[in-house]
Protein backbone atom coordinates (compact mmCIF):
# COMPACT_ATOMS: atom_id res chain seq x y z
CA UNK A 1 -30.50 -26.15 -11.00
CA UNK A 2 -33.24 -25.07 -12.98
CA UNK A 3 -36.11 -22.75 -12.72
CA UNK A 4 -38.12 -24.92 -11.53
CA UNK A 5 -35.95 -25.67 -8.88
CA UNK A 6 -35.04 -22.20 -8.24
CA UNK A 7 -38.46 -21.28 -7.41
CA UNK A 8 -39.60 -23.78 -5.41
CA UNK A 9 -37.04 -23.89 -3.09
CA UNK A 10 -37.84 -20.00 -2.59
CA UNK A 11 -40.83 -21.41 -1.69
CA UNK A 12 -39.90 -23.95 0.31
CA UNK A 13 -37.92 -20.89 2.69
CA UNK A 14 -40.76 -18.39 2.06
CA UNK A 15 -43.66 -20.87 3.70
CA UNK A 16 -45.25 -20.13 7.05
CA UNK A 17 -42.98 -17.35 7.62
CA UNK A 18 -44.81 -14.74 5.71
CA UNK A 19 -48.35 -14.13 3.95
CA UNK A 20 -49.69 -15.67 1.42
CA UNK A 21 -49.89 -12.62 -0.31
CA UNK A 22 -46.47 -11.11 0.16
CA UNK A 23 -45.21 -15.04 -1.18
CA UNK A 24 -47.61 -14.55 -4.36
CA UNK A 25 -45.57 -11.44 -5.12
CA UNK A 26 -42.28 -12.37 -4.14
CA UNK A 27 -42.40 -16.03 -6.75
CA UNK A 28 -43.94 -13.56 -9.07
CA UNK A 29 -40.96 -11.17 -9.45
CA UNK A 30 -38.45 -13.82 -9.18
CA UNK A 31 -40.47 -15.69 -12.18
CA UNK A 32 -40.44 -12.51 -14.27
CA UNK A 33 -37.33 -11.26 -13.30
CA UNK A 34 -35.67 -14.62 -14.64
CA UNK A 35 -38.25 -14.68 -17.38
CA UNK A 36 -36.77 -10.85 -18.63
CA UNK A 37 -33.35 -11.99 -18.49
CA UNK A 38 -33.81 -14.89 -20.80
CA UNK A 39 -35.83 -12.71 -23.41
CA UNK A 40 -32.50 -10.60 -23.04
CA UNK A 41 -30.25 -13.22 -24.28
CA UNK A 42 -28.56 -14.93 -21.10
CA UNK A 43 -29.12 -18.44 -20.62
CA UNK A 44 -31.63 -19.64 -17.62
CA UNK A 45 -28.68 -21.00 -15.91
CA UNK A 46 -26.51 -17.58 -16.15
CA UNK A 47 -29.41 -15.71 -14.48
CA UNK A 48 -29.63 -18.73 -11.79
CA UNK A 49 -26.23 -18.52 -11.25
CA UNK A 50 -26.62 -14.38 -10.82
CA UNK A 51 -29.25 -14.49 -8.69
CA UNK A 52 -27.54 -16.88 -6.36
CA UNK A 53 -29.16 -19.47 -3.23
CA UNK A 54 -32.32 -19.16 -3.28
CA UNK A 55 -32.50 -19.58 0.43
CA UNK A 56 -30.39 -16.87 0.75
CA UNK A 57 -32.78 -14.42 -1.04
CA UNK A 58 -35.92 -15.70 1.27
CA UNK A 59 -33.60 -14.75 4.06
CA UNK A 60 -32.85 -11.45 2.78
CA UNK A 61 -36.75 -10.69 1.58
CA UNK A 62 -38.02 -12.31 5.46
CA UNK A 63 -35.15 -9.82 7.25
CA UNK A 64 -36.18 -6.90 5.11
CA UNK A 65 -39.77 -7.38 6.05
CA UNK A 66 -38.63 -7.30 9.49
CA UNK A 67 -35.99 -4.86 10.05
CA UNK A 68 -34.91 -2.52 12.57
CA UNK A 69 -34.05 0.87 11.63
CA UNK A 70 -31.29 -0.08 14.34
CA UNK A 71 -29.69 -3.48 12.62
CA UNK A 72 -26.67 -4.22 10.55
CA UNK A 73 -27.00 -7.93 8.70
CA UNK A 74 -23.71 -9.30 6.67
CA UNK A 75 -24.27 -12.70 5.22
CA UNK A 76 -20.97 -15.05 4.52
CA UNK A 77 -21.64 -17.65 2.17
CA UNK A 78 -19.09 -20.20 1.19
CA UNK A 79 -18.55 -22.12 -1.26
CA UNK A 80 -19.29 -26.19 -1.27
CA UNK A 81 -16.42 -28.29 -0.66
CA UNK A 82 -16.38 -32.08 -1.06
CA UNK A 83 -17.53 -33.26 2.41
CA UNK A 84 -21.21 -30.69 2.53
CA UNK A 85 -23.55 -30.57 -0.90
CA UNK A 86 -24.89 -27.18 0.54
CA UNK A 87 -23.14 -24.19 0.47
CA UNK A 88 -22.63 -22.69 4.36
CA UNK A 89 -24.44 -19.17 4.82
CA UNK A 90 -23.03 -17.49 8.58
CA UNK A 91 -24.42 -14.39 9.07
CA UNK A 92 -22.96 -11.53 11.18
CA UNK A 93 -25.77 -9.23 12.93
CA UNK A 94 -24.89 -6.30 14.44
CA UNK A 95 -28.42 -4.84 16.28
CA UNK A 96 -28.53 -1.23 19.51
CA UNK A 97 -24.90 1.41 19.67
CA UNK A 98 -23.11 -0.93 17.63
CA UNK A 99 -25.56 0.04 14.66
CA UNK A 100 -26.30 3.45 15.11
CA UNK A 101 -22.60 4.28 15.64
CA UNK A 102 -21.61 2.94 12.51
CA UNK A 103 -24.59 4.80 11.00
CA UNK A 104 -23.37 8.08 12.77
CA UNK A 105 -20.25 7.84 11.71
CA UNK A 106 -20.92 7.01 7.74
CA UNK A 107 -22.62 9.95 8.24
CA UNK A 108 -20.17 12.16 9.47
CA UNK A 109 -17.60 11.40 7.53
CA UNK A 110 -20.24 12.12 4.47
CA UNK A 111 -20.39 15.71 6.03
CA UNK A 112 -16.80 15.86 6.36
CA UNK A 113 -16.40 15.36 2.81
CA UNK A 114 -18.79 17.43 1.78
CA UNK A 115 -17.34 20.12 3.82
CA UNK A 116 -14.51 19.93 1.94
CA UNK A 117 -15.24 19.81 -1.60
CA UNK A 118 -17.30 23.05 -0.59
CA UNK A 119 -14.60 24.87 0.67
CA UNK A 120 -12.37 23.81 -2.27
CA UNK A 121 -15.19 24.97 -4.24
CA UNK A 122 -15.50 28.43 -2.18
CA UNK A 123 -11.37 29.19 -1.72
CA UNK A 124 -11.18 28.60 -5.99
CA UNK A 125 -14.26 30.83 -7.06
CA UNK A 126 -13.10 33.68 -6.97
CA UNK A 127 -10.13 32.41 -9.12
CA UNK A 128 -12.53 31.01 -11.29
CA UNK A 129 -14.15 34.15 -11.47
CA UNK A 130 -10.92 35.70 -12.59
CA UNK A 131 -10.14 33.32 -15.39
CA UNK A 132 -13.37 33.07 -16.73
CA UNK A 133 -13.75 37.23 -16.84
CA UNK A 134 -9.97 37.36 -18.89
CA UNK A 135 -10.77 34.73 -20.96
CA UNK A 136 -13.98 36.65 -21.54
CA UNK A 137 -12.27 40.15 -22.35
CA UNK A 138 -9.45 37.93 -24.49
CA UNK A 139 -12.43 36.95 -26.62
CA UNK A 140 -13.78 40.85 -26.73
CA UNK A 141 -10.93 42.26 -27.74
CA UNK A 142 -10.02 39.68 -30.22
CA UNK A 143 -13.53 39.36 -32.44
CA UNK A 144 -13.49 43.03 -32.61
């Protein structure tokens, strides 16, 4: 796939699903990104391989514009096989209470880890202070 093929596929995937201004912004961003990456020494094919399928990028861009706070989407792209020239894209979307439950769970885990780290620091603080004072006293005694 060439740079122009990539841009054309991205345009086709976004056309009619977003306004013209947003479409132009996305196209200009990816054209600029590809040019910048090529300027760093990467080949056009390397950059396009790193970006992946333009249709998947378009879906992600469109979904990001419509994302609700209580949803989570997972994309699974499988490599093409001999019977199909196009890769298969499967989408798994979680909405409502399931997405909210996962979000709350992750926040609680983060807070638990934060509390544990804080407790360890508080428990070790007196020991660290004593070691610091002893070290300072030894330094003072040896420098005289």
